């Protein structure tokens, strides 16, 4: 009996958290508003290949690690990505390369 409880507990802890699409959409909306309020040039990208909140977190981190990125919002569900940048320090090509380095494909929205 105790062994079964230990195994069940270990399995419960090893199951990854199930992302809530509604919460992720709400978080994107908030982050997107922060991008719009931030100073700098706004860049809009479409990122392909994301399938979960961890994907969008990975892309967001890659973008915000770039010198000159002031704010970034990434929605894994739609692939929509908006970034506020200081265009004297970075550009859309650097953003696309950073995303490619995480394993995803990005294109500039027109």
Foldseek 3Di string as FASTA:
>chain_A
DVVVVVVVVVVVVVDDDDDDLVVLVVVLVVQVVVQVPDDADKFKKAKPDADDPVLQVQLQVLQVVAPFWDGKGARSVGSIIMTGGHVVRDDPVSSQVSSVVSPIGMDTDD
